[in-house]
N, C-alpha and C. Protein backbone atom coordinates (compact mmCIF):
# COMPACT_ATOMS: atom_id res chain seq x y z
N UNK A 1 0.71 -1.21 0.18
CA UNK A 1 -0.03 -0.37 -0.10
C UNK A 1 0.83 1.19 -0.22
N UNK A 2 0.25 2.26 -0.96
CA UNK A 2 1.50 3.42 -0.74
C UNK A 2 0.76 4.22 0.18
N UNK A 3 1.44 5.08 0.38
CA UNK A 3 1.56 5.93 1.93
C UNK A 3 1.66 7.40 1.20
N UNK A 4 0.48 7.67 1.88
CA UNK A 4 -0.08 9.34 1.33
C UNK A 4 1.42 10.01 2.02
N UNK A 5 1.43 11.16 1.18
CA UNK A 5 1.84 12.43 1.45
C UNK A 5 2.50 12.82 2.98
N UNK A 6 1.00 12.93 3.08
CA UNK A 6 0.54 13.44 4.73
C UNK A 6 1.25 12.29 6.16
N UNK A 7 1.25 10.96 6.14
CA UNK A 7 2.24 10.47 6.47
C UNK A 7 3.43 9.56 6.00
N UNK A 8 3.81 10.10 4.69
CA UNK A 8 4.96 10.15 4.64
C UNK A 8 5.81 11.10 5.45
N UNK A 9 5.47 12.35 5.32
CA UNK A 9 6.32 13.31 6.06
C UNK A 9 6.28 13.20 7.60
N UNK A 10 4.89 12.34 8.57
CA UNK A 10 4.80 11.64 9.91
C UNK A 10 5.82 11.13 10.12
N UNK A 11 5.69 10.21 9.58
CA UNK A 11 6.88 9.20 9.81
C UNK A 11 8.43 9.36 9.76
N UNK A 12 8.13 10.32 8.58
CA UNK A 12 10.23 11.15 8.77
C UNK A 12 10.25 11.66 9.55
N UNK A 13 9.06 12.78 10.36
CA UNK A 13 9.78 14.01 11.38
C UNK A 13 9.68 12.92 12.16
N UNK A 14 9.02 12.00 12.87
CA UNK A 14 8.58 10.95 13.94
C UNK A 14 9.95 10.30 14.39
N UNK A 15 10.34 9.41 12.53
CA UNK A 15 11.95 8.66 12.89
C UNK A 15 12.44 9.53 13.18
N UNK A 16 13.00 11.05 12.66
CA UNK A 16 14.81 11.00 12.55
C UNK A 16 14.30 11.98 14.15
N UNK A 17 13.02 12.46 14.57
CA UNK A 17 13.49 13.33 16.17
C UNK A 17 13.74 11.70 16.64
N UNK A 18 13.01 10.86 17.04
CA UNK A 18 13.18 9.75 17.93
C UNK A 18 14.70 9.13 17.32
N UNK A 19 15.84 8.87 16.35
CA UNK A 19 16.84 8.80 16.12
C UNK A 19 17.81 10.05 17.23
N UNK A 20 17.46 11.15 16.62
CA UNK A 20 17.98 12.28 17.14
C UNK A 20 18.39 12.28 18.73
N UNK A 21 17.04 12.31 18.92
CA UNK A 21 16.88 12.30 20.69
C UNK A 21 17.07 11.13 21.51
N UNK A 22 17.21 10.13 20.73
CA UNK A 22 17.92 8.56 21.08
C UNK A 22 19.63 8.96 21.08
N UNK A 23 20.28 9.67 20.10
CA UNK A 23 21.57 9.13 20.19
C UNK A 23 21.70 10.85 20.47
N UNK A 24 21.48 11.97 20.87
CA UNK A 24 21.59 12.72 22.25
C UNK A 24 21.75 12.36 23.30
N UNK A 25 21.01 11.67 23.46
CA UNK A 25 20.92 11.32 25.32
C UNK A 25 21.77 10.51 25.61
N UNK A 26 21.87 9.42 24.67
CA UNK A 26 23.31 8.57 25.07
C UNK A 26 24.86 9.20 25.33
N UNK A 27 24.67 9.82 24.35
CA UNK A 27 25.80 10.96 24.19
C UNK A 27 26.00 11.27 25.28
N UNK A 28 24.88 12.48 25.90
CA UNK A 28 25.10 12.89 27.16
C UNK A 28 25.05 12.29 28.36
N UNK A 29 25.46 11.59 28.39
CA UNK A 29 25.44 10.44 29.59
C UNK A 29 26.15 9.44 30.00
N UNK A 30 26.97 9.16 28.71
CA UNK A 30 28.06 8.67 28.37
C UNK A 30 29.46 8.91 28.05
N UNK A 31 29.17 10.04 28.12
CA UNK A 31 30.33 11.38 27.31
C UNK A 31 30.52 12.47 28.13
N UNK A 32 31.83 13.14 29.09
CA UNK A 32 31.59 14.07 29.10
C UNK A 32 31.83 14.69 28.56
N UNK A 33 31.85 16.07 28.98
CA UNK A 33 31.62 17.33 27.78
C UNK A 33 33.35 17.76 27.53
N UNK A 34 33.39 17.30 25.93
CA UNK A 34 34.57 17.61 25.72
C UNK A 34 35.59 16.32 25.28
N UNK A 35 34.73 14.89 25.06
CA UNK A 35 34.92 13.55 25.19
C UNK A 35 35.24 13.39 24.02
N UNK A 36 36.29 12.32 23.34
CA UNK A 36 36.04 12.14 22.33
C UNK A 36 36.16 11.14 21.66
N UNK A 37 35.56 10.32 20.42
CA UNK A 37 35.99 9.10 20.49
C UNK A 37 36.48 8.82 18.65
N UNK A 38 37.42 8.21 18.90
CA UNK A 38 38.04 7.72 17.16
C UNK A 38 37.36 6.76 17.08
N UNK A 39 36.13 6.87 15.67
CA UNK A 39 35.80 5.59 14.90
C UNK A 39 36.84 5.37 13.72
N UNK A 40 37.33 6.84 13.11
CA UNK A 40 37.98 6.36 11.88
C UNK A 40 38.53 7.70 12.04
N UNK A 41 40.00 7.92 10.94
CA UNK A 41 40.89 9.16 10.82
C UNK A 41 39.94 10.50 10.87
N UNK A 42 38.71 10.08 9.85
CA UNK A 42 38.11 10.88 9.44
C UNK A 42 36.55 10.95 9.97
N UNK A 43 36.60 10.33 11.54
CA UNK A 43 35.30 10.20 11.78
C UNK A 43 35.77 10.34 12.99
N UNK A 44 35.08 11.09 14.28
CA UNK A 44 35.08 11.26 15.84
C UNK A 44 33.25 11.93 16.53
N UNK A 45 33.28 10.75 17.36
CA UNK A 45 32.27 10.89 18.30
C UNK A 45 32.62 12.20 19.33
N UNK A 46 32.56 13.34 18.96
CA UNK A 46 32.81 14.34 19.55
C UNK A 46 31.74 15.37 20.53
N UNK A 47 31.83 14.91 21.82
CA UNK A 47 30.14 15.83 22.63
C UNK A 47 31.23 17.19 23.00
N UNK A 48 30.30 17.62 22.06
CA UNK A 48 30.30 19.70 22.92
C UNK A 48 28.70 19.83 22.55
N UNK A 49 28.70 21.06 23.73
CA UNK A 49 27.14 21.88 23.16
C UNK A 49 27.55 23.07 22.79
N UNK A 50 26.14 23.55 22.59
CA UNK A 50 26.56 25.35 21.97
C UNK A 50 24.86 26.02 22.64
N UNK A 51 24.79 27.19 22.65
CA UNK A 51 23.26 28.23 22.63
C UNK A 51 22.64 28.16 21.79
N UNK A 52 23.77 28.16 20.33
CA UNK A 52 23.37 28.43 19.39
C UNK A 52 22.60 27.67 18.20
N UNK A 53 22.87 28.47 16.58
CA UNK A 53 22.04 27.48 15.40
C UNK A 53 23.04 26.14 15.16
N UNK A 54 22.01 25.42 13.59
CA UNK A 54 22.78 24.23 13.39
C UNK A 54 25.08 24.80 13.40
N UNK A 55 25.71 23.51 13.52
CA UNK A 55 26.85 23.63 13.28
C UNK A 55 27.35 24.48 14.56
N UNK A 56 26.34 24.92 15.84
CA UNK A 56 27.00 25.79 16.89
C UNK A 56 27.73 27.08 16.36
N UNK A 57 27.09 27.13 15.75
CA UNK A 57 27.11 29.72 15.38
C UNK A 57 26.15 29.92 16.49
N UNK A 58 26.64 31.07 16.21
CA UNK A 58 26.09 32.14 17.73
C UNK A 58 25.35 33.05 17.34
N UNK A 59 24.06 33.43 17.05
CA UNK A 59 23.59 34.22 16.73
C UNK A 59 22.31 34.93 17.69
N UNK A 60 22.57 35.53 17.74
CA UNK A 60 21.63 36.38 19.20
C UNK A 60 21.22 35.70 20.49
N UNK A 61 20.44 36.02 21.03
CA UNK A 61 20.15 35.88 22.40
C UNK A 61 19.82 34.53 22.04
N UNK A 62 19.87 33.46 23.19
CA UNK A 62 19.79 32.29 23.50
C UNK A 62 17.67 32.25 23.39
N UNK A 63 17.43 33.31 24.85
CA UNK A 63 15.96 32.87 24.41
C UNK A 63 14.94 32.92 22.72
N UNK A 64 15.44 34.62 21.98
CA UNK A 64 15.24 34.86 20.85
C UNK A 64 15.10 33.40 20.19
N UNK A 65 16.42 32.76 19.64
CA UNK A 65 16.94 31.60 19.04
C UNK A 65 15.60 30.64 19.78
N UNK A 66 15.90 29.93 20.12
CA UNK A 66 14.72 29.08 20.88
C UNK A 66 12.97 29.41 20.29
N UNK A 67 13.00 30.51 20.34
CA UNK A 67 11.08 30.94 20.53
C UNK A 67 10.88 31.16 18.74
N UNK A 68 12.61 31.66 18.11
CA UNK A 68 12.47 31.84 16.55
C UNK A 68 12.40 30.31 15.92
N UNK A 69 12.70 29.44 16.33
CA UNK A 69 12.28 28.10 16.62
C UNK A 69 11.25 27.66 16.22
N UNK A 70 10.89 27.88 17.33
CA UNK A 70 9.50 26.89 17.69
C UNK A 70 8.55 27.76 16.33
N UNK A 71 8.29 28.90 16.29
CA UNK A 71 7.98 29.54 15.25
C UNK A 71 7.84 29.03 13.83
N UNK A 72 9.08 28.92 13.54
CA UNK A 72 9.59 28.31 12.35
C UNK A 72 9.15 26.78 12.42
N UNK A 73 9.21 25.96 12.93
CA UNK A 73 8.47 24.90 13.19
C UNK A 73 7.14 24.95 13.10
N UNK A 74 6.59 25.94 13.71
CA UNK A 74 4.97 25.63 13.20
C UNK A 74 4.35 26.37 12.04
N UNK A 75 5.31 27.40 11.52
CA UNK A 75 5.05 27.38 9.95
C UNK A 75 5.10 26.49 9.16
N UNK A 76 6.26 25.69 9.41
CA UNK A 76 6.60 24.19 8.36
C UNK A 76 5.83 23.04 8.36
N UNK A 77 5.33 23.21 9.54
CA UNK A 77 4.24 21.95 9.65
C UNK A 77 2.96 22.67 9.46
N UNK A 78 2.68 23.65 9.27
CA UNK A 78 1.38 24.35 8.85
C UNK A 78 1.33 23.79 7.23
N UNK A 79 2.59 24.77 6.54
CA UNK A 79 2.82 24.61 5.47
C UNK A 79 2.80 23.16 4.33
N UNK A 80 3.51 22.46 5.49
CA UNK A 80 3.72 20.67 4.65
C UNK A 80 1.57 20.18 4.91
N UNK A 81 0.89 20.51 6.10
CA UNK A 81 -0.75 20.43 6.29
C UNK A 81 -1.07 20.80 4.78
N UNK A 82 -0.81 22.37 4.71
CA UNK A 82 -0.60 22.54 3.39
C UNK A 82 -0.99 22.26 1.35
N UNK A 83 -0.26 21.89 1.25
CA UNK A 83 0.34 21.16 0.19
C UNK A 83 0.59 19.30 0.23
N UNK A 84 0.42 19.08 0.96
CA UNK A 84 0.21 17.37 0.87
C UNK A 84 -0.79 17.17 0.33
N UNK A 85 -1.86 17.88 0.11
CA UNK A 85 -3.09 17.06 -0.75
C UNK A 85 -2.84 17.40 -2.05
N UNK A 86 -1.97 18.16 -2.40
CA UNK A 86 -1.97 18.98 -3.77
C UNK A 86 -0.68 17.60 -5.07
N UNK A 87 -1.63 17.29 -5.93
CA UNK A 87 -1.26 16.29 -6.79
C UNK A 87 0.02 16.43 -7.45
N UNK A 88 -0.09 17.93 -8.15
CA UNK A 88 1.43 18.81 -8.63
C UNK A 88 2.74 17.90 -7.61
N UNK A 89 2.59 18.35 -6.09
CA UNK A 89 3.49 18.04 -5.62
C UNK A 89 4.33 17.12 -5.44
N UNK A 90 5.21 16.91 -5.41
CA UNK A 90 6.28 15.08 -5.83
C UNK A 90 6.12 15.59 -4.34
N UNK A 91 6.65 14.14 -4.06
CA UNK A 91 6.53 13.32 -2.19
C UNK A 91 8.06 13.68 -2.00
N UNK A 92 8.55 13.22 -3.40
CA UNK A 92 10.85 13.78 -2.44
C UNK A 92 10.30 15.50 -2.02
N UNK A 93 9.23 17.15 -2.87
CA UNK A 93 9.78 18.20 -2.14
C UNK A 93 8.90 17.87 -0.49
N UNK A 94 8.18 16.83 -0.66
CA UNK A 94 7.42 16.84 1.16
C UNK A 94 8.72 16.60 1.92
N UNK A 95 9.18 15.29 1.67
CA UNK A 95 10.60 14.99 2.22
C UNK A 95 11.36 15.96 2.47
N UNK A 96 11.63 16.91 1.55
CA UNK A 96 13.12 17.57 2.05
C UNK A 96 12.13 18.41 3.50
N UNK A 97 10.69 18.88 2.99
CA UNK A 97 10.32 19.81 4.20
C UNK A 97 10.28 19.18 5.04
N UNK A 98 9.97 17.84 5.10
CA UNK A 98 9.98 16.63 6.98
C UNK A 98 11.38 16.60 7.49
N UNK A 99 12.78 16.90 6.65
CA UNK A 99 13.68 16.10 6.97
C UNK A 99 13.58 17.57 8.40
N UNK A 100 13.05 19.23 7.02
CA UNK A 100 13.78 20.22 7.87
C UNK A 100 13.37 20.49 9.25
N UNK A 101 12.25 20.34 9.04
CA UNK A 101 11.00 20.77 10.08
C UNK A 101 11.71 19.30 11.42
N UNK A 102 11.84 18.16 10.83
CA UNK A 102 12.15 17.61 12.26
C UNK A 102 13.43 17.57 12.95
N UNK A 103 14.51 18.08 11.65
CA UNK A 103 16.05 18.62 12.22
C UNK A 103 15.93 20.49 13.12
N UNK A 104 14.59 20.88 12.84
CA UNK A 104 14.69 22.53 13.53
C UNK A 104 13.69 21.55 14.87
N UNK A 105 13.44 20.44 14.86
CA UNK A 105 12.37 20.56 16.08
C UNK A 105 13.31 19.80 17.13
N UNK A 106 13.72 18.91 16.76
CA UNK A 106 14.91 18.04 17.09
C UNK A 106 16.08 18.88 18.29
N UNK A 107 16.54 20.06 17.81
CA UNK A 107 17.15 21.29 18.12
C UNK A 107 16.26 22.43 19.79
N UNK A 108 15.00 22.55 19.61
CA UNK A 108 14.25 22.85 20.35
C UNK A 108 14.01 22.02 21.33
N UNK A 109 14.04 20.75 20.87
CA UNK A 109 13.45 19.92 22.30
C UNK A 109 14.90 20.02 23.66
N UNK A 110 16.34 20.27 22.56
CA UNK A 110 17.50 20.28 23.51
C UNK A 110 16.91 21.64 24.50
N UNK A 111 17.05 22.45 23.47
CA UNK A 111 16.67 23.97 23.52
C UNK A 111 15.74 24.55 25.02
N UNK A 112 14.19 23.81 24.88
CA UNK A 112 13.40 24.08 25.88
C UNK A 112 13.29 23.16 27.07
N UNK A 113 13.79 22.15 26.74
CA UNK A 113 14.02 20.92 28.19
C UNK A 113 15.80 20.21 28.70
N UNK A 114 16.60 20.07 28.12
CA UNK A 114 17.42 19.60 28.45
C UNK A 114 18.03 20.73 29.53
N UNK A 115 18.01 21.98 29.65
CA UNK A 115 18.29 22.44 31.18
C UNK A 115 17.89 21.73 32.16
N UNK A 116 16.60 21.33 32.36
CA UNK A 116 15.19 20.93 33.10
C UNK A 116 15.90 19.70 33.97
N UNK A 117 15.70 18.35 32.30
CA UNK A 117 16.31 17.43 32.87
C UNK A 117 17.72 16.75 33.11
N UNK A 118 18.61 18.06 32.34
CA UNK A 118 19.66 17.05 32.67
C UNK A 118 20.85 18.07 33.98
N UNK A 119 21.58 16.98 34.41
CA UNK A 119 22.63 18.31 35.49
C UNK A 119 23.87 18.29 33.94
N UNK A 120 24.52 19.53 34.65
CA UNK A 120 26.10 19.10 34.12
C UNK A 120 27.63 19.80 34.41
N UNK A 121 27.84 18.85 34.78
CA UNK A 121 28.94 17.81 35.78
C UNK A 121 30.46 18.54 35.12
N UNK A 122 31.23 18.54 36.25
CA UNK A 122 32.66 19.07 35.36
C UNK A 122 32.98 17.75 35.15
N UNK A 123 33.84 17.73 33.74
CA UNK A 123 34.30 16.81 33.18
C UNK A 123 35.39 16.20 34.52
N UNK A 124 35.88 14.68 34.21
CA UNK A 124 35.24 13.84 34.01
C UNK A 124 34.19 12.81 34.17
N UNK A 125 33.36 13.81 34.40
CA UNK A 125 31.19 13.57 35.28
C UNK A 125 31.08 13.12 34.14
N UNK A 126 29.74 12.57 33.69
CA UNK A 126 28.66 11.91 32.92
C UNK A 126 27.85 13.05 33.71
N UNK A 127 26.80 13.46 32.36
CA UNK A 127 25.26 14.04 32.99
C UNK A 127 24.35 12.92 33.19
N UNK A 128 24.03 13.62 34.77
CA UNK A 128 22.57 12.31 35.07
C UNK A 128 21.01 12.94 34.18
N UNK A 129 20.05 12.20 34.00
CA UNK A 129 19.24 12.36 33.35
C UNK A 129 17.55 12.66 34.90
N UNK A 130 17.02 13.70 35.05
CA UNK A 130 16.59 13.60 36.39
C UNK A 130 17.26 13.73 37.39
N UNK A 131 18.21 14.49 37.63
CA UNK A 131 19.15 14.30 38.52
C UNK A 131 18.19 15.15 39.75
N UNK A 132 18.62 14.39 40.96
CA UNK A 132 17.28 15.54 42.62
C UNK A 132 17.24 16.72 42.92
N UNK A 133 19.18 16.71 42.62
CA UNK A 133 19.07 18.59 42.62
C UNK A 133 18.51 19.53 41.14
N UNK A 134 17.98 18.77 40.59
CA UNK A 134 17.53 19.35 39.36
C UNK A 134 19.10 19.67 37.81
N UNK A 135 18.20 20.64 37.08
CA UNK A 135 18.38 20.40 35.73
C UNK A 135 19.31 21.40 36.03
N UNK A 136 20.46 22.15 35.24
CA UNK A 136 21.38 23.21 34.49
C UNK A 136 20.80 24.37 34.99
N UNK A 137 19.74 24.07 33.83
CA UNK A 137 19.39 25.46 33.39
C UNK A 137 17.35 25.75 33.31
N UNK A 138 17.44 26.28 33.59
CA UNK A 138 15.61 27.04 33.73
C UNK A 138 14.65 26.23 31.72
N UNK A 139 14.33 26.69 31.76
CA UNK A 139 12.93 25.85 30.49
C UNK A 139 13.62 27.33 29.91
N UNK A 140 13.67 26.54 28.67
CA UNK A 140 14.13 27.34 26.83
C UNK A 140 15.38 28.14 26.86
N UNK A 141 15.86 27.24 28.10
CA UNK A 141 18.02 28.16 28.13
C UNK A 141 18.35 26.78 27.99
N UNK A 142 18.57 25.77 27.35
CA UNK A 142 18.27 24.38 27.26
C UNK A 142 19.89 24.27 26.41
N UNK A 143 21.31 23.64 26.54
CA UNK A 143 21.71 23.94 25.33
C UNK A 143 21.45 22.59 24.23
N UNK A 144 21.88 22.57 23.13
CA UNK A 144 22.29 22.41 21.62
C UNK A 144 23.06 21.16 21.73
N UNK A 145 22.88 19.46 22.26
CA UNK A 145 24.10 18.83 22.30
C UNK A 145 24.45 18.12 20.99
N UNK A 146 25.82 18.44 20.50
CA UNK A 146 26.43 17.84 19.54
C UNK A 146 27.81 17.18 19.13
N UNK A 147 27.75 16.81 18.61
CA UNK A 147 28.45 14.56 18.33
C UNK A 147 29.22 14.71 17.71
N UNK A 148 29.14 14.72 15.87
CA UNK A 148 29.03 14.40 14.67
C UNK A 148 30.68 15.11 14.46
N UNK A 149 31.93 14.91 14.17
CA UNK A 149 32.96 15.50 13.31
C UNK A 149 33.10 14.51 12.37
N UNK A 150 34.03 14.97 11.53
CA UNK A 150 34.70 14.74 10.44
C UNK A 150 35.78 15.33 9.57
N UNK A 151 36.60 15.15 10.10
CA UNK A 151 37.75 15.84 10.16
C UNK A 151 39.05 15.17 8.78
N UNK A 152 37.93 15.48 7.58
CA UNK A 152 38.14 14.98 6.55
C UNK A 152 39.32 14.94 6.00
N UNK A 153 40.67 15.75 5.68
CA UNK A 153 41.39 15.98 5.58
C UNK A 153 42.34 17.50 6.12
N UNK A 154 43.79 17.48 6.16
CA UNK A 154 44.23 18.55 6.55
C UNK A 154 45.23 18.68 6.19
N UNK A 155 46.00 20.30 5.97
CA UNK A 155 47.14 19.84 5.16
C UNK A 155 47.41 22.10 5.89
N UNK A 156 48.59 21.47 5.59
CA UNK A 156 49.69 23.58 5.22
C UNK A 156 49.73 24.14 4.35
N UNK A 157 49.04 25.35 4.76
CA UNK A 157 49.38 26.65 3.27
C UNK A 157 50.85 26.30 3.21
N UNK A 158 51.19 26.56 2.08
CA UNK A 158 52.57 26.72 1.56
C UNK A 158 52.93 28.21 2.12
N UNK A 159 54.26 28.49 2.68
CA UNK A 159 54.16 29.09 2.85
C UNK A 159 54.36 31.01 2.19
N UNK A 160 54.51 30.29 0.73
CA UNK A 160 54.42 31.70 -0.39
C UNK A 160 52.81 31.84 0.01
N UNK A 161 52.05 31.67 0.32
CA UNK A 161 50.75 32.17 0.44
C UNK A 161 50.85 33.65 0.68
N UNK A 162 49.52 34.14 0.38
CA UNK A 162 49.34 35.54 0.97
C UNK A 162 48.60 35.84 2.23
N UNK A 163 48.35 35.51 2.99
CA UNK A 163 47.95 35.21 4.86
C UNK A 163 47.50 34.44 5.37
N UNK A 164 47.80 33.59 4.49
CA UNK A 164 47.68 32.14 5.05
C UNK A 164 48.35 31.25 4.72
N UNK A 165 50.14 31.23 4.41
CA UNK A 165 50.75 31.45 4.50
C UNK A 165 51.50 30.26 5.63
N UNK A 166 51.50 29.12 5.80
CA UNK A 166 52.58 28.15 6.54
C UNK A 166 51.07 27.82 7.91
N UNK A 167 49.36 28.05 7.83
CA UNK A 167 48.83 28.31 8.48
C UNK A 167 48.74 26.82 8.18
N UNK A 168 47.37 26.28 10.11
CA UNK A 168 47.26 25.09 9.22
C UNK A 168 45.42 24.80 8.23
N UNK A 169 45.45 24.15 7.59
CA UNK A 169 43.63 23.76 7.30
C UNK A 169 43.06 22.58 7.14
N UNK A 170 41.88 23.19 8.02
CA UNK A 170 41.58 22.06 8.49
C UNK A 170 40.32 21.48 8.09
N UNK A 171 39.69 19.99 6.97
CA UNK A 171 38.40 20.13 6.74
C UNK A 171 37.76 18.93 6.88
N UNK A 172 36.54 19.02 6.95
CA UNK A 172 35.54 19.44 7.12
C UNK A 172 35.60 19.95 9.21
N UNK A 173 35.54 20.87 9.96
CA UNK A 173 35.48 21.49 11.09
C UNK A 173 34.36 21.96 11.93
N UNK A 174 33.21 22.05 11.67
CA UNK A 174 32.25 21.73 12.35
C UNK A 174 31.94 20.69 12.61
N UNK A 175 31.33 20.83 14.23
CA UNK A 175 30.59 19.89 14.73
C UNK A 175 29.34 19.49 15.09
N UNK A 176 28.67 19.04 14.26
CA UNK A 176 27.08 18.75 14.67
C UNK A 176 26.43 17.30 14.74
N UNK A 177 25.04 17.15 15.20
CA UNK A 177 23.97 16.68 15.25
C UNK A 177 23.19 16.00 14.09
N UNK A 178 22.44 15.10 14.40
CA UNK A 178 21.36 14.16 13.29
C UNK A 178 20.73 15.38 12.88
N UNK A 179 20.12 15.96 13.88
CA UNK A 179 19.23 17.48 13.65
C UNK A 179 19.84 18.31 12.77
N UNK A 180 20.77 18.44 12.78
CA UNK A 180 21.73 19.35 11.45
C UNK A 180 21.79 18.74 10.20
N UNK A 181 21.64 17.75 10.62
CA UNK A 181 22.18 16.89 8.90
C UNK A 181 20.88 16.86 8.57
N UNK A 182 19.99 16.46 9.15
CA UNK A 182 18.57 16.10 8.06
C UNK A 182 18.47 17.66 7.95
N UNK A 183 18.43 18.90 8.63
CA UNK A 183 18.42 20.49 8.01
C UNK A 183 19.05 20.42 6.50
N UNK A 184 20.59 19.87 6.99
CA UNK A 184 21.02 20.54 5.19
C UNK A 184 21.01 19.43 4.53
N UNK A 185 20.42 18.13 4.67
CA UNK A 185 20.27 17.13 3.71
C UNK A 185 19.10 17.63 2.28
N UNK A 186 17.45 18.07 3.93
CA UNK A 186 16.56 18.83 3.10
C UNK A 186 17.02 20.17 2.27
N UNK A 187 17.76 21.00 3.56
CA UNK A 187 17.97 21.79 2.03
C UNK A 187 18.64 22.00 0.79
N UNK A 188 19.83 21.33 0.97
CA UNK A 188 20.35 20.82 -0.44
C UNK A 188 19.93 20.11 -1.21
N UNK A 189 18.90 19.06 -0.79
CA UNK A 189 17.89 18.69 -1.90
C UNK A 189 17.09 19.41 -2.35
N UNK A 190 16.26 20.53 -1.19
CA UNK A 190 15.22 20.66 -2.13
C UNK A 190 15.98 21.90 -3.28
N UNK A 191 17.01 22.35 -3.31
CA UNK A 191 17.38 23.64 -3.80
C UNK A 191 17.72 22.71 -5.22
N UNK A 192 18.54 21.64 -4.72
CA UNK A 192 19.00 21.52 -6.39
C UNK A 192 18.14 20.95 -7.29
N UNK A 193 16.81 20.03 -6.60
CA UNK A 193 16.11 19.32 -7.84
C UNK A 193 14.53 20.11 -6.94
N UNK A 194 14.40 20.55 -6.53
CA UNK A 194 12.88 21.17 -6.22
C UNK A 194 12.82 22.99 -5.94
N UNK A 195 13.82 23.42 -7.19
CA UNK A 195 14.18 25.20 -7.39
C UNK A 195 12.43 25.56 -7.49
N UNK A 196 11.87 24.82 -8.72
CA UNK A 196 11.39 25.08 -9.23
C UNK A 196 10.28 25.79 -9.00
N UNK A 197 9.97 24.85 -7.38
CA UNK A 197 8.90 24.89 -6.30
C UNK A 197 8.54 26.48 -6.00
N UNK A 198 9.51 26.31 -5.19
CA UNK A 198 10.67 27.30 -4.68
C UNK A 198 9.96 28.41 -5.48
N UNK A 199 10.93 28.97 -6.59
CA UNK A 199 10.60 30.14 -7.29
C UNK A 199 9.64 30.73 -8.13
N UNK A 200 8.25 29.42 -8.35
CA UNK A 200 7.59 29.70 -9.37
C UNK A 200 6.22 28.12 -8.55
N UNK A 201 5.45 28.12 -7.61
CA UNK A 201 4.95 27.50 -7.14
C UNK A 201 3.14 27.25 -7.65
N UNK A 202 3.02 28.18 -8.59
CA UNK A 202 2.17 28.63 -9.19
C UNK A 202 1.84 27.83 -10.27
N UNK A 203 2.93 28.52 -11.05
CA UNK A 203 3.83 27.86 -12.31
C UNK A 203 3.46 26.17 -12.73
N UNK A 204 4.32 25.58 -11.57
CA UNK A 204 4.20 24.80 -11.24
C UNK A 204 2.52 23.72 -11.22
N UNK A 205 1.91 24.09 -10.64
CA UNK A 205 -0.05 23.53 -10.76
C UNK A 205 0.02 23.90 -11.78
N UNK A 206 -0.29 25.25 -12.61
CA UNK A 206 -0.40 25.29 -13.71
C UNK A 206 -0.26 24.26 -15.28
N UNK A 207 0.92 23.77 -14.97
CA UNK A 207 1.87 22.57 -15.30
C UNK A 207 0.98 21.39 -15.30
N UNK A 208 0.89 21.41 -13.72
CA UNK A 208 0.21 19.65 -13.41
C UNK A 208 -1.66 19.26 -14.40
N UNK A 209 -2.76 21.05 -13.42
CA UNK A 209 -3.39 20.85 -14.21
C UNK A 209 -3.47 21.11 -15.85
N UNK A 210 -2.53 21.68 -16.29
CA UNK A 210 -2.72 21.67 -18.11
C UNK A 210 -2.42 20.07 -18.60
N UNK A 211 -2.26 19.26 -17.83
CA UNK A 211 -1.66 17.86 -18.09
C UNK A 211 -2.50 17.05 -17.60
N UNK A 212 -3.39 17.54 -16.73
CA UNK A 212 -4.74 16.54 -16.62
C UNK A 212 -5.67 16.96 -17.42
N UNK A 213 -5.61 18.27 -17.73
CA UNK A 213 -6.85 18.54 -18.87
C UNK A 213 -6.44 17.84 -20.08
N UNK A 214 -5.48 17.58 -20.91
CA UNK A 214 -5.10 16.95 -22.24
C UNK A 214 -5.27 15.14 -21.70
N UNK A 215 -4.75 14.82 -20.93
CA UNK A 215 -5.25 13.08 -20.35
C UNK A 215 -6.78 12.95 -20.51
N UNK A 216 -7.47 13.62 -20.41
CA UNK A 216 -8.95 13.80 -20.46
C UNK A 216 -9.21 13.45 -21.52
């Protein structure tokens, strides 16, 4: 039986949220802050926390960012509900927005609740879930858990290079989480394959309606 677009979006959002949160809770309760575990030369688990947006960026106040995420997720859910029944909308387009919604929601959970449900001990102690003394921050002021680190390659710039000569270059430096990855994949696929829906959604609808008329 073929899934409807609405159910497809629902399953993706719930699935990404569950995987993201299970992994974050495991990292939070098994790694101390700053601990790393080498899986390969190009892949580490490296536990850090941040107050900002995706990939650890810091933009604006903590409360503003959390409220902005909540409004953005609400808007995305409303948008998905509005377009899920339209025949000219491809399932892949819905999948992209479901990934973006799930990723944003995953980081919202950290920001809203993690300060209440976890403590934040000094390394090498690991955090406890629902500690008797209470959490480390108030509601809406939790920190986002990041752990995926891919230092794919590095080199030193030649000495003759202006400005960067002799400096060490590492690619890829950001540390992120599954929610960030879902947002990034959703946005990239959306731009590469579904930009026509973003630039002229009404034109896509007109083409679909024209094709339906010709097939009658």
